[in-house]
Amino acid sequence: MTEIKSICVYCGSSDRGSPSHAIAATQLGAQMAAEGIALVYGGGRIGIMGAVSRGIKDAGGKIYGIIPHFLMKKEIGDREVTDLEIVDTMHERKARMVDLSDGFVILPGGLGTLDEFFEVLTWRQLGLHDKPIVVVNLGGYWNRLLALIDGMIEENYVHTRQAATIHIVDTIEEVLPALRRLPAESHPPRTERT
């Protein structure tokens, strides 16, 4: 059973998505806090990102936000989290989020969420980390993405063992048990540029 002390949550910074997604994100934050699991996230107060942060904050949990200085106004950087790290670039932000996390959860979001998901998935494929990745397919939100990945497998651009590193759940209640069932990390992340 994998010991999870911190989870990186990738999700949308938009407030225009389904209200049910924000409710689910808040529930995830509350569950994490109840189990003593810290949140690692993009550092903003808005959208699903803000909802998961509020959920854990309201339940007394720890939050580590990482945000580039140029997004402090756009994503409304939250200075009330346990630790807000302001970095120079998106690359630094994403590398720090990987370094600080024991696993990754992907909630609904847009292009930025896809970028983060595919980067962490690709880094795993390249052996830069071996931390668990859980996609929360709330109401079938990620069905089209999963169908695209299935198509890539059929066309021999993605190997089934790579796709097998993506673990799909349908509800927030399944997230923490899924993360704990997955193999423990066997080597530290190698996200430094060489």
N, C-alpha and C. Protein backbone atom coordinates (compact mmCIF):
# COMPACT_ATOMS: atom_id res chain seq x y z
N MET A 1 0.85 -1.19 0.00
CA MET A 1 0.00 0.00 0.00
C MET A 1 0.89 1.24 0.00
N THR A 2 0.61 2.17 -0.89
CA THR A 2 1.41 3.38 -1.04
C THR A 2 1.08 4.38 0.06
N GLU A 3 2.13 4.95 0.66
CA GLU A 3 1.92 6.02 1.64
C GLU A 3 1.83 7.34 0.90
N ILE A 4 0.73 8.02 1.06
CA ILE A 4 0.48 9.28 0.37
C ILE A 4 0.45 10.40 1.42
N LYS A 5 1.42 11.30 1.34
CA LYS A 5 1.46 12.44 2.26
C LYS A 5 1.05 13.74 1.56
N SER A 6 1.19 13.78 0.23
CA SER A 6 0.82 14.97 -0.53
C SER A 6 0.35 14.55 -1.91
N ILE A 7 -0.65 15.25 -2.40
CA ILE A 7 -1.21 14.98 -3.73
C ILE A 7 -1.21 16.27 -4.53
N CYS A 8 -0.72 16.18 -5.75
CA CYS A 8 -0.82 17.28 -6.69
C CYS A 8 -2.14 17.13 -7.43
N VAL A 9 -2.96 18.16 -7.40
CA VAL A 9 -4.23 18.15 -8.10
C VAL A 9 -4.14 19.12 -9.27
N TYR A 10 -4.34 18.57 -10.48
CA TYR A 10 -4.41 19.38 -11.70
C TYR A 10 -5.88 19.56 -12.04
N CYS A 11 -6.28 20.82 -12.29
CA CYS A 11 -7.68 21.09 -12.58
C CYS A 11 -7.82 22.50 -13.15
N GLY A 12 -9.02 22.82 -13.58
CA GLY A 12 -9.27 24.10 -14.24
C GLY A 12 -9.22 25.30 -13.31
N SER A 13 -8.79 26.43 -13.89
CA SER A 13 -8.81 27.69 -13.15
C SER A 13 -10.00 28.55 -13.58
N SER A 14 -10.90 27.96 -14.37
CA SER A 14 -12.08 28.67 -14.84
C SER A 14 -13.26 28.47 -13.90
N ASP A 15 -14.05 29.52 -13.75
CA ASP A 15 -15.29 29.46 -12.97
C ASP A 15 -16.50 29.14 -13.85
N ARG A 16 -16.27 28.87 -15.13
CA ARG A 16 -17.37 28.68 -16.06
C ARG A 16 -17.80 27.22 -16.21
N GLY A 17 -17.11 26.30 -15.56
CA GLY A 17 -17.45 24.88 -15.66
C GLY A 17 -18.67 24.52 -14.84
N SER A 18 -19.00 23.24 -14.86
CA SER A 18 -20.17 22.74 -14.13
C SER A 18 -20.00 22.97 -12.62
N PRO A 19 -21.04 23.47 -11.97
CA PRO A 19 -20.98 23.62 -10.51
C PRO A 19 -20.68 22.30 -9.79
N SER A 20 -21.08 21.18 -10.40
CA SER A 20 -20.83 19.88 -9.78
C SER A 20 -19.34 19.59 -9.69
N HIS A 21 -18.56 20.12 -10.61
CA HIS A 21 -17.11 19.91 -10.58
C HIS A 21 -16.49 20.65 -9.39
N ALA A 22 -16.96 21.86 -9.14
CA ALA A 22 -16.46 22.62 -7.98
C ALA A 22 -16.85 21.93 -6.68
N ILE A 23 -18.05 21.40 -6.61
CA ILE A 23 -18.49 20.68 -5.41
C ILE A 23 -17.60 19.46 -5.18
N ALA A 24 -17.34 18.72 -6.24
CA ALA A 24 -16.49 17.53 -6.13
C ALA A 24 -15.08 17.90 -5.70
N ALA A 25 -14.55 19.00 -6.25
CA ALA A 25 -13.20 19.44 -5.88
C ALA A 25 -13.14 19.81 -4.40
N THR A 26 -14.17 20.49 -3.92
CA THR A 26 -14.23 20.85 -2.49
C THR A 26 -14.27 19.60 -1.63
N GLN A 27 -15.03 18.59 -2.06
CA GLN A 27 -15.11 17.32 -1.33
C GLN A 27 -13.74 16.63 -1.28
N LEU A 28 -13.03 16.65 -2.41
CA LEU A 28 -11.70 16.04 -2.44
C LEU A 28 -10.78 16.73 -1.44
N GLY A 29 -10.80 18.05 -1.42
CA GLY A 29 -9.98 18.79 -0.47
C GLY A 29 -10.30 18.43 0.98
N ALA A 30 -11.60 18.33 1.29
CA ALA A 30 -12.01 17.98 2.65
C ALA A 30 -11.55 16.57 3.02
N GLN A 31 -11.65 15.63 2.07
CA GLN A 31 -11.21 14.25 2.34
C GLN A 31 -9.69 14.20 2.55
N MET A 32 -8.96 14.96 1.75
CA MET A 32 -7.51 14.99 1.92
C MET A 32 -7.14 15.52 3.31
N ALA A 33 -7.77 16.61 3.71
CA ALA A 33 -7.49 17.20 5.02
C ALA A 33 -7.82 16.22 6.14
N ALA A 34 -8.94 15.53 6.02
CA ALA A 34 -9.37 14.57 7.04
C ALA A 34 -8.36 13.44 7.21
N GLU A 35 -7.63 13.12 6.13
CA GLU A 35 -6.65 12.03 6.19
C GLU A 35 -5.22 12.53 6.31
N GLY A 36 -5.07 13.83 6.57
CA GLY A 36 -3.73 14.39 6.79
C GLY A 36 -2.87 14.46 5.54
N ILE A 37 -3.51 14.55 4.37
CA ILE A 37 -2.79 14.62 3.10
C ILE A 37 -2.75 16.06 2.63
N ALA A 38 -1.56 16.56 2.35
CA ALA A 38 -1.38 17.94 1.90
C ALA A 38 -1.73 18.07 0.42
N LEU A 39 -2.21 19.24 0.05
CA LEU A 39 -2.50 19.58 -1.34
C LEU A 39 -1.31 20.32 -1.93
N VAL A 40 -0.91 19.89 -3.12
CA VAL A 40 0.04 20.64 -3.95
C VAL A 40 -0.74 21.05 -5.18
N TYR A 41 -0.75 22.35 -5.48
CA TYR A 41 -1.57 22.80 -6.60
C TYR A 41 -1.00 24.10 -7.16
N GLY A 42 -1.69 24.65 -8.15
CA GLY A 42 -1.18 25.81 -8.88
C GLY A 42 -1.24 27.14 -8.17
N GLY A 43 -1.75 27.20 -6.95
CA GLY A 43 -1.65 28.40 -6.12
C GLY A 43 -2.73 29.43 -6.29
N GLY A 44 -3.74 29.19 -7.13
CA GLY A 44 -4.77 30.20 -7.38
C GLY A 44 -6.02 30.02 -6.55
N ARG A 45 -6.84 31.08 -6.52
CA ARG A 45 -8.09 31.08 -5.76
C ARG A 45 -9.32 30.82 -6.62
N ILE A 46 -9.17 30.75 -7.92
CA ILE A 46 -10.34 30.72 -8.79
C ILE A 46 -10.57 29.34 -9.39
N GLY A 47 -11.79 29.13 -9.90
CA GLY A 47 -12.14 27.90 -10.60
C GLY A 47 -12.10 26.67 -9.70
N ILE A 48 -11.94 25.51 -10.35
CA ILE A 48 -11.85 24.25 -9.63
C ILE A 48 -10.62 24.26 -8.73
N MET A 49 -9.57 24.92 -9.22
CA MET A 49 -8.34 25.04 -8.44
C MET A 49 -8.63 25.71 -7.08
N GLY A 50 -9.39 26.78 -7.11
CA GLY A 50 -9.76 27.46 -5.86
C GLY A 50 -10.68 26.61 -5.00
N ALA A 51 -11.55 25.82 -5.64
CA ALA A 51 -12.50 24.99 -4.88
C ALA A 51 -11.79 23.90 -4.09
N VAL A 52 -10.83 23.22 -4.72
CA VAL A 52 -10.11 22.17 -3.99
C VAL A 52 -9.30 22.78 -2.85
N SER A 53 -8.73 23.96 -3.08
CA SER A 53 -7.98 24.65 -2.03
C SER A 53 -8.88 25.05 -0.86
N ARG A 54 -10.06 25.59 -1.18
CA ARG A 54 -11.00 25.96 -0.11
C ARG A 54 -11.43 24.74 0.68
N GLY A 55 -11.66 23.63 -0.02
CA GLY A 55 -12.09 22.41 0.67
C GLY A 55 -11.09 21.95 1.70
N ILE A 56 -9.82 21.98 1.34
CA ILE A 56 -8.80 21.53 2.28
C ILE A 56 -8.53 22.60 3.35
N LYS A 57 -8.58 23.86 2.95
CA LYS A 57 -8.35 24.96 3.90
C LYS A 57 -9.44 24.99 4.97
N ASP A 58 -10.70 24.86 4.54
CA ASP A 58 -11.82 24.90 5.49
C ASP A 58 -11.77 23.73 6.47
N ALA A 59 -11.14 22.63 6.07
CA ALA A 59 -11.03 21.46 6.95
C ALA A 59 -9.71 21.44 7.71
N GLY A 60 -8.93 22.51 7.61
CA GLY A 60 -7.71 22.63 8.39
C GLY A 60 -6.50 21.91 7.83
N GLY A 61 -6.51 21.59 6.55
CA GLY A 61 -5.39 20.87 5.95
C GLY A 61 -4.28 21.78 5.47
N LYS A 62 -3.19 21.15 5.03
CA LYS A 62 -2.02 21.88 4.53
C LYS A 62 -2.10 22.04 3.01
N ILE A 63 -1.67 23.22 2.55
CA ILE A 63 -1.73 23.54 1.13
C ILE A 63 -0.42 24.17 0.69
N TYR A 64 0.14 23.62 -0.38
CA TYR A 64 1.35 24.17 -0.98
C TYR A 64 1.01 24.61 -2.40
N GLY A 65 1.02 25.92 -2.60
CA GLY A 65 0.73 26.47 -3.92
C GLY A 65 2.01 26.90 -4.61
N ILE A 66 2.08 26.63 -5.91
CA ILE A 66 3.23 27.07 -6.70
C ILE A 66 2.68 27.83 -7.89
N ILE A 67 3.08 29.09 -8.00
CA ILE A 67 2.52 29.94 -9.04
C ILE A 67 3.61 30.85 -9.62
N PRO A 68 3.64 31.00 -10.94
CA PRO A 68 4.59 31.96 -11.52
C PRO A 68 4.14 33.38 -11.22
N HIS A 69 5.08 34.29 -11.06
CA HIS A 69 4.73 35.66 -10.70
C HIS A 69 3.79 36.30 -11.72
N PHE A 70 3.91 35.94 -13.01
CA PHE A 70 3.06 36.57 -14.02
C PHE A 70 1.61 36.10 -13.95
N LEU A 71 1.32 35.05 -13.16
CA LEU A 71 -0.06 34.59 -13.00
C LEU A 71 -0.68 35.00 -11.66
N MET A 72 0.07 35.73 -10.85
CA MET A 72 -0.45 36.11 -9.53
C MET A 72 -1.77 36.88 -9.63
N LYS A 73 -1.89 37.78 -10.61
CA LYS A 73 -3.14 38.54 -10.75
C LYS A 73 -4.19 37.74 -11.50
N LYS A 74 -3.80 37.07 -12.58
CA LYS A 74 -4.77 36.34 -13.41
C LYS A 74 -5.43 35.20 -12.65
N GLU A 75 -4.66 34.41 -11.93
CA GLU A 75 -5.21 33.27 -11.19
C GLU A 75 -5.46 33.60 -9.72
N ILE A 76 -5.24 34.85 -9.35
CA ILE A 76 -5.44 35.35 -7.99
C ILE A 76 -4.70 34.46 -6.99
N GLY A 77 -3.38 34.61 -6.99
CA GLY A 77 -2.54 33.83 -6.09
C GLY A 77 -3.00 33.92 -4.65
N ASP A 78 -3.12 32.78 -4.00
CA ASP A 78 -3.69 32.70 -2.65
C ASP A 78 -2.59 32.76 -1.60
N ARG A 79 -2.44 33.90 -0.99
CA ARG A 79 -1.40 34.08 0.04
C ARG A 79 -1.82 33.51 1.39
N GLU A 80 -3.04 32.96 1.49
CA GLU A 80 -3.52 32.39 2.75
C GLU A 80 -3.28 30.90 2.86
N VAL A 81 -2.58 30.30 1.88
CA VAL A 81 -2.28 28.87 1.96
C VAL A 81 -1.11 28.66 2.90
N THR A 82 -0.83 27.40 3.24
CA THR A 82 0.27 27.09 4.16
C THR A 82 1.59 27.65 3.63
N ASP A 83 1.82 27.46 2.33
CA ASP A 83 3.05 27.95 1.72
C ASP A 83 2.77 28.27 0.26
N LEU A 84 2.97 29.51 -0.14
CA LEU A 84 2.82 29.91 -1.54
C LEU A 84 4.21 30.22 -2.08
N GLU A 85 4.62 29.42 -3.04
CA GLU A 85 5.92 29.58 -3.66
C GLU A 85 5.74 30.29 -5.00
N ILE A 86 6.33 31.44 -5.15
CA ILE A 86 6.23 32.19 -6.40
C ILE A 86 7.50 31.96 -7.20
N VAL A 87 7.33 31.41 -8.41
CA VAL A 87 8.47 31.04 -9.25
C VAL A 87 8.47 31.90 -10.51
N ASP A 88 9.52 31.73 -11.31
CA ASP A 88 9.67 32.56 -12.51
C ASP A 88 8.95 32.01 -13.74
N THR A 89 8.92 30.70 -13.90
CA THR A 89 8.42 30.13 -15.15
C THR A 89 7.41 29.00 -14.91
N MET A 90 6.67 28.68 -15.97
CA MET A 90 5.75 27.55 -15.90
C MET A 90 6.52 26.24 -15.71
N HIS A 91 7.69 26.12 -16.33
CA HIS A 91 8.48 24.90 -16.17
C HIS A 91 8.84 24.70 -14.70
N GLU A 92 9.29 25.78 -14.05
CA GLU A 92 9.62 25.68 -12.62
C GLU A 92 8.40 25.27 -11.81
N ARG A 93 7.26 25.87 -12.14
CA ARG A 93 6.02 25.56 -11.42
C ARG A 93 5.72 24.06 -11.51
N LYS A 94 5.73 23.54 -12.74
CA LYS A 94 5.36 22.15 -12.93
C LYS A 94 6.39 21.20 -12.31
N ALA A 95 7.66 21.52 -12.41
CA ALA A 95 8.70 20.67 -11.82
C ALA A 95 8.57 20.65 -10.30
N ARG A 96 8.31 21.79 -9.69
CA ARG A 96 8.15 21.84 -8.23
C ARG A 96 6.92 21.04 -7.78
N MET A 97 5.85 21.12 -8.55
CA MET A 97 4.64 20.38 -8.20
C MET A 97 4.91 18.87 -8.22
N VAL A 98 5.67 18.42 -9.21
CA VAL A 98 6.03 17.00 -9.28
C VAL A 98 6.91 16.63 -8.09
N ASP A 99 7.91 17.45 -7.82
CA ASP A 99 8.86 17.16 -6.74
C ASP A 99 8.19 17.06 -5.38
N LEU A 100 7.17 17.87 -5.14
CA LEU A 100 6.53 17.95 -3.82
C LEU A 100 5.42 16.93 -3.60
N SER A 101 5.08 16.15 -4.63
CA SER A 101 3.89 15.30 -4.58
C SER A 101 4.22 13.82 -4.54
N ASP A 102 3.32 13.07 -3.90
CA ASP A 102 3.42 11.60 -3.88
C ASP A 102 2.53 10.96 -4.93
N GLY A 103 1.67 11.74 -5.56
CA GLY A 103 0.78 11.24 -6.59
C GLY A 103 0.04 12.40 -7.22
N PHE A 104 -0.69 12.09 -8.31
CA PHE A 104 -1.35 13.13 -9.09
C PHE A 104 -2.81 12.77 -9.31
N VAL A 105 -3.68 13.79 -9.19
CA VAL A 105 -5.10 13.63 -9.45
C VAL A 105 -5.49 14.66 -10.49
N ILE A 106 -6.19 14.19 -11.52
CA ILE A 106 -6.63 15.08 -12.59
C ILE A 106 -8.14 15.23 -12.51
N LEU A 107 -8.58 16.44 -12.22
CA LEU A 107 -10.00 16.79 -12.19
C LEU A 107 -10.34 17.51 -13.50
N PRO A 108 -11.61 17.80 -13.76
CA PRO A 108 -11.94 18.53 -14.98
C PRO A 108 -11.19 19.85 -15.10
N GLY A 109 -10.86 20.19 -16.32
CA GLY A 109 -10.16 21.43 -16.61
C GLY A 109 -10.04 21.61 -18.11
N GLY A 110 -9.24 22.59 -18.51
CA GLY A 110 -9.09 22.92 -19.91
C GLY A 110 -7.71 22.59 -20.43
N LEU A 111 -7.20 23.45 -21.30
CA LEU A 111 -5.92 23.19 -21.96
C LEU A 111 -4.76 23.12 -20.98
N GLY A 112 -4.77 23.98 -19.97
CA GLY A 112 -3.69 23.93 -18.98
C GLY A 112 -3.68 22.62 -18.22
N THR A 113 -4.86 22.11 -17.89
CA THR A 113 -4.96 20.83 -17.20
C THR A 113 -4.46 19.71 -18.10
N LEU A 114 -4.83 19.76 -19.38
CA LEU A 114 -4.32 18.76 -20.33
C LEU A 114 -2.81 18.82 -20.44
N ASP A 115 -2.26 20.03 -20.49
CA ASP A 115 -0.81 20.20 -20.57
C ASP A 115 -0.14 19.55 -19.36
N GLU A 116 -0.66 19.83 -18.18
CA GLU A 116 -0.07 19.26 -16.96
C GLU A 116 -0.22 17.74 -16.93
N PHE A 117 -1.40 17.25 -17.29
CA PHE A 117 -1.64 15.81 -17.31
C PHE A 117 -0.69 15.11 -18.28
N PHE A 118 -0.62 15.60 -19.51
CA PHE A 118 0.24 14.93 -20.49
C PHE A 118 1.71 15.06 -20.15
N GLU A 119 2.09 16.18 -19.53
CA GLU A 119 3.50 16.30 -19.14
C GLU A 119 3.85 15.29 -18.05
N VAL A 120 3.03 15.19 -17.02
CA VAL A 120 3.34 14.26 -15.93
C VAL A 120 3.25 12.81 -16.42
N LEU A 121 2.35 12.55 -17.37
CA LEU A 121 2.25 11.22 -17.96
C LEU A 121 3.48 10.91 -18.82
N THR A 122 3.91 11.88 -19.61
CA THR A 122 5.10 11.70 -20.44
C THR A 122 6.34 11.55 -19.58
N TRP A 123 6.44 12.35 -18.52
CA TRP A 123 7.61 12.23 -17.62
C TRP A 123 7.64 10.85 -17.00
N ARG A 124 6.47 10.30 -16.70
CA ARG A 124 6.44 8.93 -16.16
C ARG A 124 6.91 7.94 -17.21
N GLN A 125 6.43 8.09 -18.44
CA GLN A 125 6.85 7.22 -19.54
C GLN A 125 8.36 7.27 -19.73
N LEU A 126 8.96 8.44 -19.54
CA LEU A 126 10.41 8.62 -19.72
C LEU A 126 11.21 8.21 -18.50
N GLY A 127 10.54 7.80 -17.43
CA GLY A 127 11.24 7.37 -16.22
C GLY A 127 11.69 8.50 -15.33
N LEU A 128 11.16 9.71 -15.54
CA LEU A 128 11.55 10.84 -14.69
C LEU A 128 10.87 10.78 -13.32
N HIS A 129 9.77 10.04 -13.23
CA HIS A 129 9.13 9.76 -11.94
C HIS A 129 8.32 8.48 -12.13
N ASP A 130 7.89 7.89 -11.03
CA ASP A 130 7.02 6.71 -11.12
C ASP A 130 5.88 6.81 -10.11
N LYS A 131 5.36 8.02 -9.95
CA LYS A 131 4.28 8.27 -9.00
C LYS A 131 2.93 7.96 -9.65
N PRO A 132 1.94 7.57 -8.84
CA PRO A 132 0.63 7.21 -9.39
C PRO A 132 -0.13 8.41 -9.95
N ILE A 133 -0.92 8.14 -11.01
CA ILE A 133 -1.72 9.16 -11.69
C ILE A 133 -3.17 8.66 -11.73
N VAL A 134 -4.08 9.46 -11.17
CA VAL A 134 -5.50 9.10 -11.15
C VAL A 134 -6.29 10.19 -11.87
N VAL A 135 -7.07 9.79 -12.86
CA VAL A 135 -7.96 10.69 -13.58
C VAL A 135 -9.37 10.49 -13.03
N VAL A 136 -10.00 11.58 -12.60
CA VAL A 136 -11.35 11.52 -12.06
C VAL A 136 -12.32 11.90 -13.18
N ASN A 137 -13.01 10.91 -13.70
CA ASN A 137 -13.88 11.08 -14.86
C ASN A 137 -15.31 11.44 -14.41
N LEU A 138 -15.44 12.59 -13.77
CA LEU A 138 -16.72 13.02 -13.21
C LEU A 138 -17.77 13.18 -14.31
N GLY A 139 -18.84 12.42 -14.21
CA GLY A 139 -19.92 12.52 -15.18
C GLY A 139 -19.48 12.26 -16.61
N GLY A 140 -18.40 11.52 -16.79
CA GLY A 140 -17.90 11.23 -18.13
C GLY A 140 -17.12 12.36 -18.77
N TYR A 141 -16.68 13.33 -17.96
CA TYR A 141 -16.00 14.51 -18.51
C TYR A 141 -14.82 14.14 -19.40
N TRP A 142 -14.04 13.14 -19.02
CA TRP A 142 -12.83 12.79 -19.77
C TRP A 142 -13.06 11.68 -20.81
N ASN A 143 -14.30 11.31 -21.09
CA ASN A 143 -14.56 10.21 -22.03
C ASN A 143 -13.91 10.43 -23.39
N ARG A 144 -14.01 11.64 -23.93
CA ARG A 144 -13.44 11.90 -25.26
C ARG A 144 -11.92 11.83 -25.24
N LEU A 145 -11.32 12.28 -24.15
CA LEU A 145 -9.87 12.18 -24.04
C LEU A 145 -9.44 10.71 -23.96
N LEU A 146 -10.16 9.94 -23.17
CA LEU A 146 -9.83 8.52 -23.04
C LEU A 146 -10.03 7.78 -24.36
N ALA A 147 -11.05 8.19 -25.12
CA ALA A 147 -11.26 7.60 -26.45
C ALA A 147 -10.11 7.96 -27.38
N LEU A 148 -9.61 9.18 -27.28
CA LEU A 148 -8.45 9.60 -28.09
C LEU A 148 -7.24 8.74 -27.76
N ILE A 149 -6.99 8.52 -26.48
CA ILE A 149 -5.86 7.69 -26.08
C ILE A 149 -6.04 6.26 -26.57
N ASP A 150 -7.27 5.74 -26.50
CA ASP A 150 -7.54 4.41 -27.05
C ASP A 150 -7.23 4.36 -28.54
N GLY A 151 -7.58 5.43 -29.26
CA GLY A 151 -7.27 5.51 -30.69
C GLY A 151 -5.76 5.53 -30.95
N MET A 152 -5.01 6.21 -30.11
CA MET A 152 -3.55 6.24 -30.23
C MET A 152 -2.96 4.85 -30.02
N ILE A 153 -3.56 4.11 -29.09
CA ILE A 153 -3.12 2.72 -28.87
C ILE A 153 -3.39 1.88 -30.11
N GLU A 154 -4.61 2.02 -30.65
CA GLU A 154 -4.97 1.25 -31.84
C GLU A 154 -4.05 1.56 -33.03
N GLU A 155 -3.59 2.82 -33.11
CA GLU A 155 -2.71 3.23 -34.21
C GLU A 155 -1.23 2.99 -33.89
N ASN A 156 -0.96 2.36 -32.73
CA ASN A 156 0.41 1.99 -32.34
C ASN A 156 1.33 3.17 -32.02
N TYR A 157 0.75 4.30 -31.57
CA TYR A 157 1.56 5.42 -31.12
C TYR A 157 1.70 5.45 -29.60
N VAL A 158 0.84 4.75 -28.93
CA VAL A 158 0.91 4.64 -27.47
C VAL A 158 0.86 3.15 -27.15
N HIS A 159 1.78 2.72 -26.30
CA HIS A 159 1.81 1.31 -25.89
C HIS A 159 0.81 1.11 -24.76
N THR A 160 0.21 -0.06 -24.71
CA THR A 160 -0.78 -0.33 -23.66
C THR A 160 -0.17 -0.20 -22.26
N ARG A 161 1.12 -0.50 -22.09
CA ARG A 161 1.72 -0.37 -20.75
C ARG A 161 1.82 1.10 -20.34
N GLN A 162 1.97 2.01 -21.32
CA GLN A 162 1.97 3.44 -20.99
C GLN A 162 0.57 3.88 -20.56
N ALA A 163 -0.43 3.44 -21.31
CA ALA A 163 -1.80 3.79 -20.96
C ALA A 163 -2.20 3.19 -19.62
N ALA A 164 -1.61 2.06 -19.26
CA ALA A 164 -1.94 1.40 -18.00
C ALA A 164 -1.49 2.19 -16.78
N THR A 165 -0.63 3.19 -16.98
CA THR A 165 -0.21 4.03 -15.85
C THR A 165 -1.27 5.08 -15.51
N ILE A 166 -2.31 5.19 -16.33
CA ILE A 166 -3.42 6.09 -16.06
C ILE A 166 -4.51 5.27 -15.37
N HIS A 167 -4.89 5.68 -14.19
CA HIS A 167 -5.92 4.97 -13.44
C HIS A 167 -7.17 5.85 -13.41
N ILE A 168 -8.28 5.30 -13.87
CA ILE A 168 -9.52 6.06 -14.02
C ILE A 168 -10.47 5.71 -12.89
N VAL A 169 -11.03 6.75 -12.26
CA VAL A 169 -12.11 6.56 -11.29
C VAL A 169 -13.24 7.51 -11.68
N ASP A 170 -14.43 7.22 -11.21
CA ASP A 170 -15.60 8.02 -11.58
C ASP A 170 -16.07 8.96 -10.49
N THR A 171 -15.63 8.73 -9.25
CA THR A 171 -16.11 9.54 -8.13
C THR A 171 -14.96 9.99 -7.25
N ILE A 172 -15.21 11.03 -6.49
CA ILE A 172 -14.21 11.54 -5.55
C ILE A 172 -13.91 10.50 -4.47
N GLU A 173 -14.92 9.74 -4.06
CA GLU A 173 -14.72 8.74 -3.00
C GLU A 173 -13.70 7.68 -3.39
N GLU A 174 -13.50 7.46 -4.67
CA GLU A 174 -12.57 6.43 -5.14
C GLU A 174 -11.12 6.91 -5.23
N VAL A 175 -10.90 8.21 -5.15
CA VAL A 175 -9.56 8.77 -5.43
C VAL A 175 -8.50 8.27 -4.45
N LEU A 176 -8.68 8.50 -3.17
CA LEU A 176 -7.65 8.14 -2.19
C LEU A 176 -7.42 6.63 -2.13
N PRO A 177 -8.48 5.80 -2.11
CA PRO A 177 -8.22 4.36 -2.16
C PRO A 177 -7.45 3.93 -3.40
N ALA A 178 -7.76 4.54 -4.56
CA ALA A 178 -7.05 4.19 -5.79
C ALA A 178 -5.57 4.55 -5.68
N LEU A 179 -5.27 5.73 -5.18
CA LEU A 179 -3.87 6.14 -5.03
C LEU A 179 -3.11 5.20 -4.11
N ARG A 180 -3.76 4.77 -3.04
CA ARG A 180 -3.09 3.90 -2.07
C ARG A 180 -2.88 2.48 -2.60
N ARG A 181 -3.72 2.04 -3.52
CA ARG A 181 -3.57 0.70 -4.09
C ARG A 181 -2.43 0.61 -5.10
N LEU A 182 -2.02 1.75 -5.64
CA LEU A 182 -1.02 1.74 -6.70
C LEU A 182 0.38 1.55 -6.12
N PRO A 183 1.33 1.05 -6.93
CA PRO A 183 2.68 0.81 -6.41
C PRO A 183 3.33 2.08 -5.89
N ALA A 184 4.12 1.91 -4.84
CA ALA A 184 4.83 3.04 -4.24
C ALA A 184 5.94 3.51 -5.17
N GLU A 185 6.28 4.77 -5.04
CA GLU A 185 7.39 5.35 -5.81
C GLU A 185 8.68 4.61 -5.48
N SER A 186 9.44 4.28 -6.50
CA SER A 186 10.69 3.55 -6.26
C SER A 186 11.94 4.40 -6.48
N HIS A 187 11.78 5.58 -7.07
CA HIS A 187 12.92 6.49 -7.23
C HIS A 187 12.42 7.93 -7.18
N PRO A 188 13.28 8.84 -6.72
CA PRO A 188 12.86 10.25 -6.66
C PRO A 188 12.72 10.83 -8.06
N PRO A 189 11.89 11.87 -8.20
CA PRO A 189 11.72 12.48 -9.52
C PRO A 189 13.02 13.14 -10.00
N ARG A 190 13.21 13.11 -11.31
CA ARG A 190 14.39 13.75 -11.90
C ARG A 190 13.89 14.84 -12.84
N THR A 191 13.49 15.96 -12.26
CA THR A 191 12.88 17.03 -13.06
C THR A 191 13.83 18.17 -13.34
N GLU A 192 15.05 18.09 -12.83
CA GLU A 192 16.04 19.14 -13.09
C GLU A 192 16.45 19.11 -14.55
N ARG A 193 16.68 20.27 -15.13
CA ARG A 193 17.21 20.31 -16.50
C ARG A 193 18.66 19.88 -16.48
N THR A 194 19.06 19.10 -17.49
CA THR A 194 20.45 18.65 -17.55
C THR A 194 21.12 19.19 -18.79
